[in-house]
PDB file of N, CA and C in Angstrom:
ATOM      1  N   UNK A   1     100.365  89.079  26.215  1.00  0.00           N
ATOM      2  CA  UNK A   1      99.859  90.051  27.642  1.00  0.00           C
ATOM      3  C   UNK A   1      99.389  91.133  27.255  1.00  0.00           C
ATOM      4  N   UNK A   2      99.371  91.936  26.263  1.00  0.00           N
ATOM      5  CA  UNK A   2      98.413  93.168  25.949  1.00  0.00           C
ATOM      6  C   UNK A   2      97.381  92.739  25.839  1.00  0.00           C
ATOM      7  N   UNK A   3      96.770  91.770  25.068  1.00  0.00           N
ATOM      8  CA  UNK A   3      95.548  91.385  24.810  1.00  0.00           C
ATOM      9  C   UNK A   3      94.863  90.633  25.816  1.00  0.00           C
ATOM     10  N   UNK A   4      95.519  90.147  26.721  1.00  0.00           N
ATOM     11  CA  UNK A   4      94.717  89.859  27.819  1.00  0.00           C
ATOM     12  C   UNK A   4      94.298  90.799  28.876  1.00  0.00           C
ATOM     13  N   UNK A   5      95.158  92.091  29.069  1.00  0.00           N
ATOM     14  CA  UNK A   5      94.902  92.966  29.911  1.00  0.00           C
ATOM     15  C   UNK A   5      93.799  93.874  29.173  1.00  0.00           C
ATOM     16  N   UNK A   6      93.668  93.711  27.967  1.00  0.00           N
ATOM     17  CA  UNK A   6      92.665  94.639  27.280  1.00  0.00           C
ATOM     18  C   UNK A   6      91.377  93.851  27.473  1.00  0.00           C
ATOM     19  N   UNK A   7      91.128  92.747  27.568  1.00  0.00           N
ATOM     20  CA  UNK A   7      90.029  91.866  27.534  1.00  0.00           C
ATOM     21  C   UNK A   7      89.408  91.939  28.852  1.00  0.00           C
ATOM     22  N   UNK A   8      90.513  92.227  29.930  1.00  0.00           N
ATOM     23  CA  UNK A   8      89.895  92.241  31.473  1.00  0.00           C
ATOM     24  C   UNK A   8      89.591  93.674  31.581  1.00  0.00           C
ATOM     25  N   UNK A   9      90.100  94.785  30.840  1.00  0.00           N
ATOM     26  CA  UNK A   9      89.362  96.174  31.051  1.00  0.00           C
ATOM     27  C   UNK A   9      88.104  96.281  30.128  1.00  0.00           C
ATOM     28  N   UNK A  10      87.879  95.588  29.245  1.00  0.00           N
ATOM     29  CA  UNK A  10      86.709  95.536  28.555  1.00  0.00           C
ATOM     30  C   UNK A  10      85.656  94.967  29.126  1.00  0.00           C
ATOM     31  N   UNK A  11      85.842  93.559  29.682  1.00  0.00           N
ATOM     32  CA  UNK A  11      84.945  92.785  30.711  1.00  0.00           C
ATOM     33  C   UNK A  11      84.361  93.836  31.830  1.00  0.00           C
ATOM     34  N   UNK A  12      85.468  94.821  32.778  1.00  0.00           N
ATOM     35  CA  UNK A  12      85.272  95.063  33.486  1.00  0.00           C
ATOM     36  C   UNK A  12      84.323  96.414  33.163  1.00  0.00           C
ATOM     37  N   UNK A  13      84.576  97.053  32.542  1.00  0.00           N
ATOM     38  CA  UNK A  13      83.827  98.208  31.791  1.00  0.00           C
ATOM     39  C   UNK A  13      82.581  97.690  31.571  1.00  0.00           C
ATOM     40  N   UNK A  14      82.313  96.693  30.698  1.00  0.00           N
ATOM     41  CA  UNK A  14      80.952  96.093  30.182  1.00  0.00           C
ATOM     42  C   UNK A  14      80.112  95.502  31.726  1.00  0.00           C
ATOM     43  N   UNK A  15      80.546  95.156  32.421  1.00  0.00           N
ATOM     44  CA  UNK A  15      79.880  94.925  33.924  1.00  0.00           C
ATOM     45  C   UNK A  15      79.213  96.109  34.581  1.00  0.00           C
ATOM     46  N   UNK A  16      80.388  97.017  34.509  1.00  0.00           N
ATOM     47  CA  UNK A  16      80.283  98.350  35.204  1.00  0.00           C
ATOM     48  C   UNK A  16      79.066  99.111  34.558  1.00  0.00           C
ATOM     49  N   UNK A  17      78.943  99.094  32.913  1.00  0.00           N
ATOM     50  CA  UNK A  17      78.038  99.808  32.278  1.00  0.00           C
ATOM     51  C   UNK A  17      76.466  99.087  32.591  1.00  0.00           C
ATOM     52  N   UNK A  18      76.594  97.569  32.538  1.00  0.00           N
ATOM     53  CA  UNK A  18      75.734  96.961  32.786  1.00  0.00           C
ATOM     54  C   UNK A  18      74.915  97.465  34.067  1.00  0.00           C
ATOM     55  N   UNK A  19      75.807  97.264  35.101  1.00  0.00           N
ATOM     56  CA  UNK A  19      75.127  97.648  36.664  1.00  0.00           C
ATOM     57  C   UNK A  19      74.320  98.988  36.531  1.00  0.00           C
ATOM     58  N   UNK A  20      75.452 100.138  35.966  1.00  0.00           N
ATOM     59  CA  UNK A  20      74.608 101.252  35.957  1.00  0.00           C
ATOM     60  C   UNK A  20      73.419 101.394  35.127  1.00  0.00           C
ATOM     61  N   UNK A  21      73.191 100.517  33.955  1.00  0.00           N
ATOM     62  CA  UNK A  21      72.160 100.821  33.068  1.00  0.00           C
ATOM     63  C   UNK A  21      70.985 100.029  33.992  1.00  0.00           C
ATOM     64  N   UNK A  22      71.255  99.086  34.866  1.00  0.00           N
ATOM     65  CA  UNK A  22      70.227  98.515  35.644  1.00  0.00           C
ATOM     66  C   UNK A  22      69.679  99.356  36.776  1.00  0.00           C
ATOM     67  N   UNK A  23      70.453 100.381  37.165  1.00  0.00           N
ATOM     68  CA  UNK A  23      70.386 101.066  38.384  1.00  0.00           C
ATOM     69  C   UNK A  23      69.243 102.266  38.029  1.00  0.00           C
ATOM     70  N   UNK A  24      69.879 102.476  36.848  1.00  0.00           N
ATOM     71  CA  UNK A  24      68.816 103.494  35.804  1.00  0.00           C
ATOM     72  C   UNK A  24      67.633 103.326  35.536  1.00  0.00           C
ATOM     73  N   UNK A  25      67.592 101.926  35.260  1.00  0.00           N
ATOM     74  CA  UNK A  25      66.364 101.318  34.659  1.00  0.00           C
ATOM     75  C   UNK A  25      65.256 101.253  35.874  1.00  0.00           C
ATOM     76  N   UNK A  26      65.788 100.910  37.257  1.00  0.00           N
ATOM     77  CA  UNK A  26      65.152 100.824  38.437  1.00  0.00           C
ATOM     78  C   UNK A  26      64.737 102.383  38.863  1.00  0.00           C
ATOM     79  N   UNK A  27      65.442 103.132  38.497  1.00  0.00           N
ATOM     80  CA  UNK A  27      65.096 104.518  39.269  1.00  0.00           C
ATOM     81  C   UNK A  27      63.953 105.384  38.104  1.00  0.00           C
ATOM     82  N   UNK A  28      64.182 104.735  36.711  1.00  0.00           N
ATOM     83  CA  UNK A  28      63.569 105.826  35.872  1.00  0.00           C
ATOM     84  C   UNK A  28      62.042 106.066  36.465  1.00  0.00           C
ATOM     85  N   UNK A  29      61.632 106.917  36.102  1.00  0.00           N
ATOM     86  CA  UNK A  29      60.021 107.166  36.504  1.00  0.00           C
ATOM     87  C   UNK A  29      59.129 106.998  35.614  1.00  0.00           C
ATOM     88  N   UNK A  30      59.445 106.983  34.250  1.00  0.00           N
ATOM     89  CA  UNK A  30      58.230 106.771  33.082  1.00  0.00           C
ATOM     90  C   UNK A  30      58.943 105.517  32.414  1.00  0.00           C
ATOM     91  N   UNK A  31      57.631 105.034  32.031  1.00  0.00           N
ATOM     92  CA  UNK A  31      57.689 103.663  31.280  1.00  0.00           C
ATOM     93  C   UNK A  31      58.789 103.796  30.151  1.00  0.00           C
ATOM     94  N   UNK A  32      58.263 104.499  29.466  1.00  0.00           N
ATOM     95  CA  UNK A  32      59.564 104.808  28.230  1.00  0.00           C
ATOM     96  C   UNK A  32      60.718 104.837  28.663  1.00  0.00           C
ATOM     97  N   UNK A  33      61.105 105.596  29.632  1.00  0.00           N
ATOM     98  CA  UNK A  33      62.642 105.373  29.973  1.00  0.00           C
ATOM     99  C   UNK A  33      62.972 103.952  30.439  1.00  0.00           C
ATOM    100  N   UNK A  34      61.881 103.247  31.371  1.00  0.00           N
ATOM    101  CA  UNK A  34      62.517 102.083  31.727  1.00  0.00           C
ATOM    102  C   UNK A  34      62.743 101.024  30.515  1.00  0.00           C
ATOM    103  N   UNK A  35      62.017 100.997  29.982  1.00  0.00           N
ATOM    104  CA  UNK A  35      62.008 100.268  28.574  1.00  0.00           C
ATOM    105  C   UNK A  35      63.279 100.503  28.001  1.00  0.00           C
ATOM    106  N   UNK A  36      63.653 101.650  27.398  1.00  0.00           N
ATOM    107  CA  UNK A  36      65.022 102.083  26.891  1.00  0.00           C
ATOM    108  C   UNK A  36      66.164 101.700  27.671  1.00  0.00           C
ATOM    109  N   UNK A  37      66.001 101.968  28.939  1.00  0.00           N
ATOM    110  CA  UNK A  37      67.255 101.712  29.704  1.00  0.00           C
ATOM    111  C   UNK A  37      67.595 100.008  29.880  1.00  0.00           C
ATOM    112  N   UNK A  38      66.238  99.411  30.120  1.00  0.00           N
ATOM    113  CA  UNK A  38      66.221  97.936  30.079  1.00  0.00           C
ATOM    114  C   UNK A  38      66.812  97.482  28.743  1.00  0.00           C
ATOM    115  N   UNK A  39      66.680  98.023  27.541  1.00  0.00           N
ATOM    116  CA  UNK A  39      67.018  97.217  26.491  1.00  0.00           C
ATOM    117  C   UNK A  39      68.857  97.719  26.174  1.00  0.00           C
ATOM    118  N   UNK A  40      68.897  98.925  26.732  1.00  0.00           N
ATOM    119  CA  UNK A  40      70.588  99.148  26.779  1.00  0.00           C
ATOM    120  C   UNK A  40      71.423  98.335  27.711  1.00  0.00           C
ATOM    121  N   UNK A  41      70.751  98.069  28.992  1.00  0.00           N
ATOM    122  CA  UNK A  41      70.859  96.930  29.867  1.00  0.00           C
ATOM    123  C   UNK A  41      71.728  95.766  29.122  1.00  0.00           C
ATOM    124  N   UNK A  42      70.648  95.150  28.325  1.00  0.00           N
ATOM    125  CA  UNK A  42      70.631  93.839  27.660  1.00  0.00           C
ATOM    126  C   UNK A  42      71.887  94.097  26.864  1.00  0.00           C
ATOM    127  N   UNK A  43      71.956  95.062  25.865  1.00  0.00           N
ATOM    128  CA  UNK A  43      73.213  95.114  25.158  1.00  0.00           C
ATOM    129  C   UNK A  43      74.324  95.235  26.144  1.00  0.00           C
ATOM    130  N   UNK A  44      74.592  95.910  26.980  1.00  0.00           N
ATOM    131  CA  UNK A  44      75.541  95.826  27.822  1.00  0.00           C
ATOM    132  C   UNK A  44      76.033  94.378  28.372  1.00  0.00           C
ATOM    133  N   UNK A  45      74.704  93.846  28.581  1.00  0.00           N
ATOM    134  CA  UNK A  45      74.912  92.480  29.435  1.00  0.00           C
ATOM    135  C   UNK A  45      75.592  91.439  28.228  1.00  0.00           C
ATOM    136  N   UNK A  46      74.949  91.534  26.901  1.00  0.00           N
ATOM    137  CA  UNK A  46      75.550  90.907  25.780  1.00  0.00           C
ATOM    138  C   UNK A  46      76.868  91.090  25.603  1.00  0.00           C
ATOM    139  N   UNK A  47      77.441  92.319  25.641  1.00  0.00           N
ATOM    140  CA  UNK A  47      79.107  92.795  25.620  1.00  0.00           C
ATOM    141  C   UNK A  47      79.432  92.157  26.997  1.00  0.00           C
ATOM    142  N   UNK A  48      79.288  92.393  28.071  1.00  0.00           N
ATOM    143  CA  UNK A  48      80.033  91.726  29.074  1.00  0.00           C
ATOM    144  C   UNK A  48      79.952  90.129  29.174  1.00  0.00           C
ATOM    145  N   UNK A  49      79.108  89.622  28.898  1.00  0.00           N
ATOM    146  CA  UNK A  49      79.188  88.046  28.598  1.00  0.00           C
ATOM    147  C   UNK A  49      80.039  87.543  27.582  1.00  0.00           C
ATOM    148  N   UNK A  50      79.907  88.232  26.332  1.00  0.00           N
ATOM    149  CA  UNK A  50      81.021  87.839  25.329  1.00  0.00           C
ATOM    150  C   UNK A  50      82.433  88.422  25.937  1.00  0.00           C
ATOM    151  N   UNK A  51      82.865  89.055  26.429  1.00  0.00           N
ATOM    152  CA  UNK A  51      83.880  89.612  26.798  1.00  0.00           C
ATOM    153  C   UNK A  51      84.613  88.622  27.804  1.00  0.00           C
ATOM    154  N   UNK A  52      83.458  88.348  28.724  1.00  0.00           N
ATOM    155  CA  UNK A  52      84.159  87.424  29.856  1.00  0.00           C
ATOM    156  C   UNK A  52      84.399  86.249  29.378  1.00  0.00           C
ATOM    157  N   UNK A  53      83.590  85.632  28.137  1.00  0.00           N
ATOM    158  CA  UNK A  53      83.786  84.382  27.567  1.00  0.00           C
ATOM    159  C   UNK A  53      85.096  84.256  26.926  1.00  0.00           C
ATOM    160  N   UNK A  54      85.324  85.484  26.506  1.00  0.00           N
ATOM    161  CA  UNK A  54      86.655  85.371  25.537  1.00  0.00           C
ATOM    162  C   UNK A  54      87.888  85.660  26.697  1.00  0.00           C
ATOM    163  N   UNK A  55      87.797  86.249  27.690  1.00  0.00           N
ATOM    164  CA  UNK A  55      88.798  86.379  28.867  1.00  0.00           C
ATOM    165  C   UNK A  55      89.104  84.822  29.303  1.00  0.00           C
ATOM    166  N   UNK A  56      88.318  83.909  29.560  1.00  0.00           N
ATOM    167  CA  UNK A  56      87.746  82.696  29.787  1.00  0.00           C
ATOM    168  C   UNK A  56      88.910  81.848  29.106  1.00  0.00           C
ATOM    169  N   UNK A  57      88.309  81.853  27.487  1.00  0.00           N
ATOM    170  CA  UNK A  57      88.916  81.139  26.901  1.00  0.00           C
ATOM    171  C   UNK A  57      90.450  81.267  26.615  1.00  0.00           C
ATOM    172  N   UNK A  58      90.618  82.665  26.781  1.00  0.00           N
ATOM    173  CA  UNK A  58      92.130  83.217  26.569  1.00  0.00           C
ATOM    174  C   UNK A  58      92.941  82.598  27.694  1.00  0.00           C
ATOM    175  N   UNK A  59      92.244  82.527  28.846  1.00  0.00           N
ATOM    176  CA  UNK A  59      92.775  82.025  30.263  1.00  0.00           C
ATOM    177  C   UNK A  59      93.146  80.755  30.332  1.00  0.00           C
ATOM    178  N   UNK A  60      92.154  79.815  29.735  1.00  0.00           N
ATOM    179  CA  UNK A  60      92.133  78.720  29.279  1.00  0.00           C
ATOM    180  C   UNK A  60      93.332  77.791  28.563  1.00  0.00           C
ATOM    181  N   UNK A  61      93.166  78.660  27.261  1.00  0.00           N
ATOM    182  CA  UNK A  61      94.503  78.570  26.456  1.00  0.00           C
ATOM    183  C   UNK A  61      95.683  78.542  26.930  1.00  0.00           C
ATOM    184  N   UNK A  62      95.996  79.660  27.664  1.00  0.00           N
ATOM    185  CA  UNK A  62      97.348  79.939  28.152  1.00  0.00           C
ATOM    186  C   UNK A  62      97.483  78.635  29.081  1.00  0.00           C
ATOM    187  N   UNK A  63      96.732  78.166  29.638  1.00  0.00           N
ATOM    188  CA  UNK A  63      97.084  77.534  31.166  1.00  0.00           C
ATOM    189  C   UNK A  63      97.286  75.900  30.167  1.00  0.00           C
ATOM    190  N   UNK A  64      96.472  75.506  29.083  1.00  0.00           N
ATOM    191  CA  UNK A  64      96.702  74.394  28.308  1.00  0.00           C
ATOM    192  C   UNK A  64      98.184  74.338  27.853  1.00  0.00           C
ATOM    193  N   UNK A  65      98.124  75.656  27.147  1.00  0.00           N
ATOM    194  CA  UNK A  65      99.608  75.665  26.189  1.00  0.00           C
ATOM    195  C   UNK A  65     100.670  75.569  27.629  1.00  0.00           C
ATOM    196  N   UNK A  66     100.733  75.886  28.526  1.00  0.00           N
ATOM    197  CA  UNK A  66     101.894  75.882  29.722  1.00  0.00           C
ATOM    198  C   UNK A  66     101.961  74.404  30.170  1.00  0.00           C
ATOM    199  N   UNK A  67     100.726  73.816  30.407  1.00  0.00           N
ATOM    200  CA  UNK A  67     100.717  72.627  30.647  1.00  0.00           C
ATOM    201  C   UNK A  67     101.344  71.606  29.689  1.00  0.00           C
ATOM    202  N   UNK A  68     101.048  72.040  28.106  1.00  0.00           N
ATOM    203  CA  UNK A  68     101.746  70.850  27.254  1.00  0.00           C
ATOM    204  C   UNK A  68     103.260  71.317  27.108  1.00  0.00           C
ATOM    205  N   UNK A  69     103.525  72.228  27.103  1.00  0.00           N
ATOM    206  CA  UNK A  69     104.856  72.782  27.305  1.00  0.00           C
ATOM    207  C   UNK A  69     105.516  71.911  28.223  1.00  0.00           C
ATOM    208  N   UNK A  70     105.281  71.847  29.692  1.00  0.00           N
ATOM    209  CA  UNK A  70     105.601  71.421  30.753  1.00  0.00           C
ATOM    210  C   UNK A  70     105.718  69.667  30.725  1.00  0.00           C
ATOM    211  N   UNK A  71     104.910  69.333  29.881  1.00  0.00           N
ATOM    212  CA  UNK A  71     105.018  67.904  29.688  1.00  0.00           C
ATOM    213  C   UNK A  71     105.963  67.427  28.633  1.00  0.00           C
ATOM    214  N   UNK A  72     106.264  68.220  27.763  1.00  0.00           N
ATOM    215  CA  UNK A  72     107.179  67.868  26.733  1.00  0.00           C
ATOM    216  C   UNK A  72     108.542  67.968  27.328  1.00  0.00           C
ATOM    217  N   UNK A  73     108.787  68.562  28.328  1.00  0.00           N
ATOM    218  CA  UNK A  73     110.347  68.838  28.679  1.00  0.00           C
ATOM    219  C   UNK A  73     110.545  67.562  29.472  1.00  0.00           C
TER     220      UNK A  73
END
């Protein structure tokens, strides 16, 4: 249960950081800042995607395990 909670927190933080980086990229006045924050946003987006996929895989694995145990009884 602890691992599932941690994945949820990591996914939520990563998506929040992605949104914040996108906002900063939109409001940046200089082209260099905009490029830098867009690159950061892309890294946060990668982290968000990986953590969300891990969360989905963990959830699916739990449901399949429960389903199998239910069929065995």
